[in-house]
């Protein structure tokens, strides 16, 4: 098995690898958008569980702890896998969706009003 890294792997390659994995197991029949969105939410909750009741600073220490880091990485992988399989199942282009959302957020959160603030765009 080859080693994938963020700097050397494209989204398209990840989506293809996930799709191949799913097809080998005949799981596409179960991957309706409803089911994938629910699985994505469940995996995100499992990721959040590692940080439950932690302060912001404590959560950074949890993420840096070598023992917990591997488990956190596995939960993150589950979240991203389900998100990319959702994109596969729905035909959504992840990069185009991100680009569109960043542009929308730039309009809602102009730098001169939002920089250094965590307020919602309706409160800027």
C-alpha atoms as a PDB file:
ATOM      1  CA  UNK A   1       0.000   0.000   0.000  1.00  0.00           C
ATOM      2  CA  UNK A   2       1.418   3.381  -0.955  1.00  0.00           C
ATOM      3  CA  UNK A   3       1.777   6.170   1.547  1.00  0.00           C
ATOM      4  CA  UNK A   4      -0.474   9.124   0.837  1.00  0.00           C
ATOM      5  CA  UNK A   5       0.379  12.632   2.022  1.00  0.00           C
ATOM      6  CA  UNK A   6      -1.482  15.925   1.768  1.00  0.00           C
ATOM      7  CA  UNK A   7       1.324  17.459  -0.260  1.00  0.00           C
ATOM      8  CA  UNK A   8       1.372  14.681  -2.872  1.00  0.00           C
ATOM      9  CA  UNK A   9      -2.244  13.491  -3.113  1.00  0.00           C
ATOM     10  CA  UNK A  10      -5.103  15.198  -4.941  1.00  0.00           C
ATOM     11  CA  UNK A  11      -8.745  15.214  -3.918  1.00  0.00           C
ATOM     12  CA  UNK A  12      -9.518  13.325  -7.105  1.00  0.00           C
ATOM     13  CA  UNK A  13      -7.089  10.568  -6.115  1.00  0.00           C
ATOM     14  CA  UNK A  14      -8.658  10.282  -2.671  1.00  0.00           C
ATOM     15  CA  UNK A  15     -12.168  10.177  -4.130  1.00  0.00           C
ATOM     16  CA  UNK A  16     -11.100   7.480  -6.608  1.00  0.00           C
ATOM     17  CA  UNK A  17      -9.469   5.408  -3.868  1.00  0.00           C
ATOM     18  CA  UNK A  18     -12.552   5.636  -1.655  1.00  0.00           C
ATOM     19  CA  UNK A  19     -14.856   4.784  -4.562  1.00  0.00           C
ATOM     20  CA  UNK A  20     -12.747   1.727  -5.415  1.00  0.00           C
ATOM     21  CA  UNK A  21     -12.874   0.582  -1.785  1.00  0.00           C
ATOM     22  CA  UNK A  22     -16.660   1.006  -1.703  1.00  0.00           C
ATOM     23  CA  UNK A  23     -17.197  -0.752  -5.032  1.00  0.00           C
ATOM     24  CA  UNK A  24     -15.020  -3.724  -4.051  1.00  0.00           C
ATOM     25  CA  UNK A  25     -17.414  -4.315  -1.169  1.00  0.00           C
ATOM     26  CA  UNK A  26     -20.631  -3.538  -3.095  1.00  0.00           C
ATOM     27  CA  UNK A  27     -21.500  -0.790  -0.621  1.00  0.00           C
ATOM     28  CA  UNK A  28     -22.767   1.797  -3.105  1.00  0.00           C
ATOM     29  CA  UNK A  29     -26.241   0.353  -2.596  1.00  0.00           C
ATOM     30  CA  UNK A  30     -26.146   1.646   1.003  1.00  0.00           C
ATOM     31  CA  UNK A  31     -24.607   5.027   0.234  1.00  0.00           C
ATOM     32  CA  UNK A  32     -27.635   7.215  -0.319  1.00  0.00           C
ATOM     33  CA  UNK A  33     -27.031  10.874   0.562  1.00  0.00           C
ATOM     34  CA  UNK A  34     -29.238  10.464   3.653  1.00  0.00           C
ATOM     35  CA  UNK A  35     -27.175   7.565   4.975  1.00  0.00           C
ATOM     36  CA  UNK A  36     -23.831   9.171   4.190  1.00  0.00           C
ATOM     37  CA  UNK A  37     -24.815  12.471   5.809  1.00  0.00           C
ATOM     38  CA  UNK A  38     -25.908  10.594   8.933  1.00  0.00           C
ATOM     39  CA  UNK A  39     -22.680   8.561   9.008  1.00  0.00           C
ATOM     40  CA  UNK A  40     -20.683  11.768   8.567  1.00  0.00           C
ATOM     41  CA  UNK A  41     -22.470  13.334  11.521  1.00  0.00           C
ATOM     42  CA  UNK A  42     -21.887  10.251  13.674  1.00  0.00           C
ATOM     43  CA  UNK A  43     -18.172  10.219  12.868  1.00  0.00           C
ATOM     44  CA  UNK A  44     -17.888  13.955  13.562  1.00  0.00           C
ATOM     45  CA  UNK A  45     -19.444  13.302  16.970  1.00  0.00           C
ATOM     46  CA  UNK A  46     -16.859  10.581  17.626  1.00  0.00           C
ATOM     47  CA  UNK A  47     -14.121  13.089  16.783  1.00  0.00           C
ATOM     48  CA  UNK A  48     -15.673  15.664  19.116  1.00  0.00           C
ATOM     49  CA  UNK A  49     -15.838  13.117  21.922  1.00  0.00           C
ATOM     50  CA  UNK A  50     -12.041  13.254  22.285  1.00  0.00           C
ATOM     51  CA  UNK A  51     -12.309  16.905  23.292  1.00  0.00           C
ATOM     52  CA  UNK A  52     -15.483  16.830  25.371  1.00  0.00           C
ATOM     53  CA  UNK A  53     -15.234  18.954  28.519  1.00  0.00           C
ATOM     54  CA  UNK A  54     -11.783  20.272  27.535  1.00  0.00           C
ATOM     55  CA  UNK A  55     -10.881  23.926  27.495  1.00  0.00           C
ATOM     56  CA  UNK A  56      -9.390  25.306  24.288  1.00  0.00           C
ATOM     57  CA  UNK A  57      -5.881  24.923  25.698  1.00  0.00           C
ATOM     58  CA  UNK A  58      -6.575  21.424  27.034  1.00  0.00           C
ATOM     59  CA  UNK A  59      -7.913  20.401  23.616  1.00  0.00           C
ATOM     60  CA  UNK A  60      -4.591  21.392  22.055  1.00  0.00           C
ATOM     61  CA  UNK A  61      -2.775  19.172  24.548  1.00  0.00           C
ATOM     62  CA  UNK A  62      -5.159  16.289  23.817  1.00  0.00           C
ATOM     63  CA  UNK A  63      -4.497  16.655  20.076  1.00  0.00           C
ATOM     64  CA  UNK A  64      -0.751  16.636  20.691  1.00  0.00           C
ATOM     65  CA  UNK A  65      -0.743  13.595  22.992  1.00  0.00           C
ATOM     66  CA  UNK A  66       0.841  10.714  21.019  1.00  0.00           C
ATOM     67  CA  UNK A  67      -1.498   8.070  22.422  1.00  0.00           C
ATOM     68  CA  UNK A  68      -4.689   9.997  21.704  1.00  0.00           C
ATOM     69  CA  UNK A  69      -3.396  11.516  18.467  1.00  0.00           C
ATOM     70  CA  UNK A  70      -3.639   8.211  16.572  1.00  0.00           C
ATOM     71  CA  UNK A  71      -7.252   7.724  17.640  1.00  0.00           C
ATOM     72  CA  UNK A  72      -8.059  11.315  16.722  1.00  0.00           C
ATOM     73  CA  UNK A  73      -6.418  10.787  13.313  1.00  0.00           C
ATOM     74  CA  UNK A  74      -8.612   7.726  12.744  1.00  0.00           C
ATOM     75  CA  UNK A  75     -11.772   9.686  13.555  1.00  0.00           C
ATOM     76  CA  UNK A  76     -10.682  12.534  11.287  1.00  0.00           C
ATOM     77  CA  UNK A  77     -10.077  10.012   8.511  1.00  0.00           C
ATOM     78  CA  UNK A  78     -13.588   8.617   8.991  1.00  0.00           C
ATOM     79  CA  UNK A  79     -15.066  12.119   8.724  1.00  0.00           C
ATOM     80  CA  UNK A  80     -13.137  12.942   5.546  1.00  0.00           C
ATOM     81  CA  UNK A  81     -13.840   9.537   3.990  1.00  0.00           C
ATOM     82  CA  UNK A  82     -17.583   9.927   4.502  1.00  0.00           C
ATOM     83  CA  UNK A  83     -17.467  13.508   3.211  1.00  0.00           C
ATOM     84  CA  UNK A  84     -15.631  12.438   0.068  1.00  0.00           C
ATOM     85  CA  UNK A  85     -17.918   9.446  -0.445  1.00  0.00           C
ATOM     86  CA  UNK A  86     -20.866  11.845  -0.071  1.00  0.00           C
ATOM     87  CA  UNK A  87     -19.311  13.897  -2.877  1.00  0.00           C
ATOM     88  CA  UNK A  88     -18.901  10.722  -4.940  1.00  0.00           C
ATOM     89  CA  UNK A  89     -22.509   9.654  -4.381  1.00  0.00           C
ATOM     90  CA  UNK A  90     -23.968  13.061  -5.182  1.00  0.00           C
ATOM     91  CA  UNK A  91     -21.597  14.122  -7.949  1.00  0.00           C
ATOM     92  CA  UNK A  92     -20.546  17.229  -6.044  1.00  0.00           C
ATOM     93  CA  UNK A  93     -17.185  18.784  -6.854  1.00  0.00           C
ATOM     94  CA  UNK A  94     -15.476  19.332  -3.495  1.00  0.00           C
ATOM     95  CA  UNK A  95     -12.938  21.914  -4.674  1.00  0.00           C
ATOM     96  CA  UNK A  96     -15.591  23.937  -6.536  1.00  0.00           C
ATOM     97  CA  UNK A  97     -17.896  23.758  -3.502  1.00  0.00           C
ATOM     98  CA  UNK A  98     -15.109  24.993  -1.216  1.00  0.00           C
ATOM     99  CA  UNK A  99     -14.184  27.796  -3.590  1.00  0.00           C
ATOM    100  CA  UNK A 100     -17.802  28.928  -3.787  1.00  0.00           C
ATOM    101  CA  UNK A 101     -18.209  28.801  -0.014  1.00  0.00           C
ATOM    102  CA  UNK A 102     -15.002  30.756   0.621  1.00  0.00           C
ATOM    103  CA  UNK A 103     -16.208  33.448  -1.792  1.00  0.00           C
ATOM    104  CA  UNK A 104     -19.586  33.608  -0.028  1.00  0.00           C
ATOM    105  CA  UNK A 105     -17.895  33.765   3.371  1.00  0.00           C
ATOM    106  CA  UNK A 106     -15.570  36.535   2.161  1.00  0.00           C
ATOM    107  CA  UNK A 107     -18.648  38.598   1.324  1.00  0.00           C
ATOM    108  CA  UNK A 108     -20.283  37.846   4.688  1.00  0.00           C
ATOM    109  CA  UNK A 109     -17.092  38.360   6.679  1.00  0.00           C
ATOM    110  CA  UNK A 110     -15.141  41.267   5.161  1.00  0.00           C
ATOM    111  CA  UNK A 111     -11.650  41.525   6.628  1.00  0.00           C
ATOM    112  CA  UNK A 112     -12.140  45.068   7.887  1.00  0.00           C
ATOM    113  CA  UNK A 113     -15.126  43.956  10.004  1.00  0.00           C
ATOM    114  CA  UNK A 114     -14.293  40.352  10.888  1.00  0.00           C
ATOM    115  CA  UNK A 115     -10.539  40.279  11.491  1.00  0.00           C
ATOM    116  CA  UNK A 116      -9.796  39.015  14.989  1.00  0.00           C
ATOM    117  CA  UNK A 117     -13.499  38.635  15.841  1.00  0.00           C
ATOM    118  CA  UNK A 118     -15.606  35.509  16.256  1.00  0.00           C
ATOM    119  CA  UNK A 119     -18.976  37.222  15.866  1.00  0.00           C
ATOM    120  CA  UNK A 120     -21.494  35.884  13.385  1.00  0.00           C
ATOM    121  CA  UNK A 121     -21.735  37.886  10.165  1.00  0.00           C
ATOM    122  CA  UNK A 122     -25.141  39.258  11.216  1.00  0.00           C
ATOM    123  CA  UNK A 123     -23.483  40.832  14.259  1.00  0.00           C
ATOM    124  CA  UNK A 124     -20.501  42.508  12.570  1.00  0.00           C
END
